[in-house]
């Protein structure tokens, strides 16, 4: 159970991907952890950051770069190990003691799979908020919507580049703030 309920850690990841299916011998790796904090009292979004992560079990495809704008050159210049990214979440965002949120279950599942496969401690506590489902329930929709569609329904402009974790985390925080208020 989360014990620091002042802020919610908002996370959006980007991972290696391919338009023709996963190549043999490769596993999808997180290549960016977009993260920010949502203050539940004020609605302030702070500490918005994109942590670039070097893939250790796969390569960044041309399709992936076109989708996310994350290139091999960016990763080589600024990327850190996945283990270090998890340490940053735990130490700088207190991710194990705060509730955390993502848009859908993909981010949670990818972190669980990658942490298990690489024998790295899971950086989050048990209090996960699925903003995608919560938004659909709050709006009484018959099905879940994507993040950009949710923003559109709320008449909130999508800021930044869609499919960049740093920007999507910030946009997700705005949706969650609307839900909470």
Protein backbone atom coordinates (compact mmCIF):
# COMPACT_ATOMS: atom_id res chain seq x y z
CA UNK A 1 0.00 0.00 0.00
CA UNK A 2 1.28 3.45 -0.84
CA UNK A 3 2.22 5.48 2.21
CA UNK A 4 2.96 8.87 0.61
CA UNK A 5 -0.31 10.17 -0.79
CA UNK A 6 0.84 13.73 -1.53
CA UNK A 7 1.74 13.08 -5.16
CA UNK A 8 1.15 10.47 -7.83
CA UNK A 9 4.06 9.30 -9.97
CA UNK A 10 2.90 9.41 -13.61
CA UNK A 11 4.82 7.11 -15.98
CA UNK A 12 4.76 6.59 -19.72
CA UNK A 13 7.30 4.34 -21.42
CA UNK A 14 8.46 3.88 -24.96
CA UNK A 15 9.95 0.53 -25.92
CA UNK A 16 11.67 -1.03 -28.91
CA UNK A 17 9.10 -1.98 -31.53
CA UNK A 18 8.88 -3.24 -35.08
CA UNK A 19 6.24 -2.87 -37.80
CA UNK A 20 6.66 -6.46 -39.03
CA UNK A 21 6.70 -8.29 -35.72
CA UNK A 22 9.39 -8.91 -33.16
CA UNK A 23 12.63 -10.21 -34.72
CA UNK A 24 13.83 -13.63 -33.61
CA UNK A 25 16.08 -13.44 -30.59
CA UNK A 26 15.00 -9.95 -29.54
CA UNK A 27 12.85 -8.87 -26.61
CA UNK A 28 11.12 -5.51 -26.38
CA UNK A 29 13.19 -3.16 -24.19
CA UNK A 30 12.17 0.09 -22.54
CA UNK A 31 14.04 2.93 -24.27
CA UNK A 32 12.42 5.90 -22.52
CA UNK A 33 10.77 6.37 -19.16
CA UNK A 34 8.69 9.53 -19.17
CA UNK A 35 7.88 10.51 -15.61
CA UNK A 36 6.39 13.39 -13.66
CA UNK A 37 4.69 14.05 -10.35
CA UNK A 38 1.07 15.16 -9.97
CA UNK A 39 0.34 17.01 -6.74
CA UNK A 40 -3.12 15.77 -5.75
CA UNK A 41 -4.02 18.93 -3.79
CA UNK A 42 -2.90 21.62 -6.23
CA UNK A 43 -2.93 19.76 -9.56
CA UNK A 44 0.62 20.99 -10.20
CA UNK A 45 2.67 18.79 -12.51
CA UNK A 46 6.36 18.81 -11.61
CA UNK A 47 9.65 17.05 -12.21
CA UNK A 48 8.66 16.12 -15.78
CA UNK A 49 11.54 14.18 -17.24
CA UNK A 50 12.39 11.77 -20.02
CA UNK A 51 14.94 9.13 -19.02
CA UNK A 52 16.51 7.55 -22.10
CA UNK A 53 17.44 3.89 -21.60
CA UNK A 54 19.89 1.78 -23.61
CA UNK A 55 18.17 -1.36 -24.93
CA UNK A 56 20.04 -4.46 -23.77
CA UNK A 57 18.06 -7.22 -25.50
CA UNK A 58 17.06 -5.58 -28.79
CA UNK A 59 17.82 -2.82 -31.27
CA UNK A 60 15.93 0.33 -32.18
CA UNK A 61 14.27 -0.18 -35.57
CA UNK A 62 13.67 2.52 -38.17
CA UNK A 63 9.93 2.07 -37.48
CA UNK A 64 10.54 2.69 -33.76
CA UNK A 65 12.49 5.88 -34.46
CA UNK A 66 9.77 7.11 -36.82
CA UNK A 67 7.08 6.43 -34.19
CA UNK A 68 8.88 7.80 -31.12
CA UNK A 69 11.54 10.14 -32.60
CA UNK A 70 14.05 8.30 -30.37
CA UNK A 71 17.16 7.47 -32.39
CA UNK A 72 20.16 5.26 -31.75
CA UNK A 73 22.29 8.42 -31.64
CA UNK A 74 20.13 9.87 -28.84
CA UNK A 75 20.42 6.62 -26.87
CA UNK A 76 24.19 6.42 -27.40
CA UNK A 77 24.60 10.01 -26.24
CA UNK A 78 22.20 10.16 -23.26
CA UNK A 79 20.99 6.61 -22.56
CA UNK A 80 21.56 4.89 -19.23
CA UNK A 81 21.13 1.27 -18.13
CA UNK A 82 17.63 0.07 -17.26
CA UNK A 83 18.82 -0.71 -13.73
CA UNK A 84 19.87 2.94 -13.30
CA UNK A 85 16.50 4.19 -14.60
CA UNK A 86 14.77 2.04 -11.97
CA UNK A 87 17.06 3.48 -9.28
CA UNK A 88 16.14 7.03 -10.34
CA UNK A 89 12.42 6.21 -10.07
CA UNK A 90 12.88 4.76 -6.58
CA UNK A 91 15.23 7.38 -5.16
CA UNK A 92 14.20 10.61 -6.89
CA UNK A 93 10.45 9.99 -7.35
CA UNK A 94 9.87 7.73 -4.29
CA UNK A 95 8.05 5.37 -6.66
CA UNK A 96 7.82 2.51 -4.18
CA UNK A 97 6.06 4.63 -1.55
CA UNK A 98 3.69 6.59 -3.75
CA UNK A 99 0.82 5.50 -5.95
CA UNK A 100 1.79 5.50 -9.61
CA UNK A 101 -0.25 5.80 -12.77
CA UNK A 102 0.01 4.99 -16.46
CA UNK A 103 -2.41 5.10 -19.37
CA UNK A 104 -3.44 1.45 -19.67
CA UNK A 105 -1.71 -1.66 -18.37
CA UNK A 106 1.10 -1.90 -20.95
CA UNK A 107 3.64 0.14 -18.96
CA UNK A 108 3.05 -1.89 -15.80
CA UNK A 109 3.33 -5.22 -17.65
CA UNK A 110 6.47 -4.15 -19.55
CA UNK A 111 8.20 -3.06 -16.33
CA UNK A 112 7.23 -6.35 -14.65
CA UNK A 113 8.47 -8.45 -17.58
CA UNK A 114 11.73 -6.56 -18.02
CA UNK A 115 12.53 -6.44 -14.30
CA UNK A 116 11.93 -10.19 -14.00
CA UNK A 117 13.94 -11.03 -17.14
CA UNK A 118 16.87 -8.86 -16.04
CA UNK A 119 16.72 -9.73 -12.31
CA UNK A 120 16.19 -6.10 -11.33
CA UNK A 121 13.96 -5.06 -8.44
CA UNK A 122 10.57 -3.73 -9.50
CA UNK A 123 10.70 0.06 -8.94
CA UNK A 124 7.05 0.57 -8.00
CA UNK A 125 4.80 -0.17 -5.07
CA UNK A 126 1.51 -2.07 -5.45
CA UNK A 127 -0.74 0.99 -5.90
CA UNK A 128 -1.09 1.29 -9.69
CA UNK A 129 -3.75 3.53 -11.26
CA UNK A 130 -4.87 2.65 -14.78
CA UNK A 131 -5.84 6.11 -16.08
CA UNK A 132 -7.25 4.71 -19.33
CA UNK A 133 -9.86 2.58 -17.55
CA UNK A 134 -10.56 5.19 -14.89
CA UNK A 135 -11.17 7.84 -17.58
CA UNK A 136 -13.63 5.60 -19.45
CA UNK A 137 -15.50 4.88 -16.20
CA UNK A 138 -15.59 8.54 -15.13
CA UNK A 139 -16.89 9.63 -18.57
CA UNK A 140 -19.32 6.66 -18.66
CA UNK A 141 -17.93 5.56 -22.04
CA UNK A 142 -18.81 2.20 -23.58
CA UNK A 143 -15.13 1.51 -24.31
CA UNK A 144 -11.69 2.82 -23.45
CA UNK A 145 -10.10 5.57 -25.55
CA UNK A 146 -6.50 6.29 -26.42
CA UNK A 147 -4.66 9.10 -24.71
CA UNK A 148 -5.01 11.62 -27.55
CA UNK A 149 -8.74 10.84 -27.87
CA UNK A 150 -9.18 11.31 -24.11
CA UNK A 151 -7.45 14.69 -24.29
CA UNK A 152 -9.67 15.65 -27.22
CA UNK A 153 -12.83 14.71 -25.30
CA UNK A 154 -11.64 16.95 -22.47
CA UNK A 155 -10.73 19.76 -24.89
CA UNK A 156 -7.16 19.69 -23.56
CA UNK A 157 -4.55 20.14 -26.29
CA UNK A 158 -1.97 17.38 -26.66
CA UNK A 159 1.34 19.01 -25.78
CA UNK A 160 4.66 17.86 -27.18
CA UNK A 161 5.27 14.80 -29.31
CA UNK A 162 2.85 11.87 -29.02
CA UNK A 163 4.78 8.63 -28.36
CA UNK A 164 7.50 10.42 -26.44
CA UNK A 165 7.35 9.31 -22.83
CA UNK A 166 8.37 12.70 -21.42
CA UNK A 167 5.47 14.44 -23.21
CA UNK A 168 2.91 11.68 -22.79
CA UNK A 169 3.51 11.47 -19.02
CA UNK A 170 2.71 15.19 -18.78
CA UNK A 171 -0.46 14.75 -20.88
CA UNK A 172 -1.57 11.73 -18.80
CA UNK A 173 -1.10 13.81 -15.63
CA UNK A 174 -3.56 16.36 -17.02
CA UNK A 175 -6.16 13.62 -17.67
CA UNK A 176 -5.70 12.17 -14.18
CA UNK A 177 -5.97 15.63 -12.63
CA UNK A 178 -9.30 16.10 -14.44
CA UNK A 179 -10.52 12.73 -13.12
CA UNK A 180 -9.54 13.60 -9.56
CA UNK A 181 -11.27 16.97 -9.70
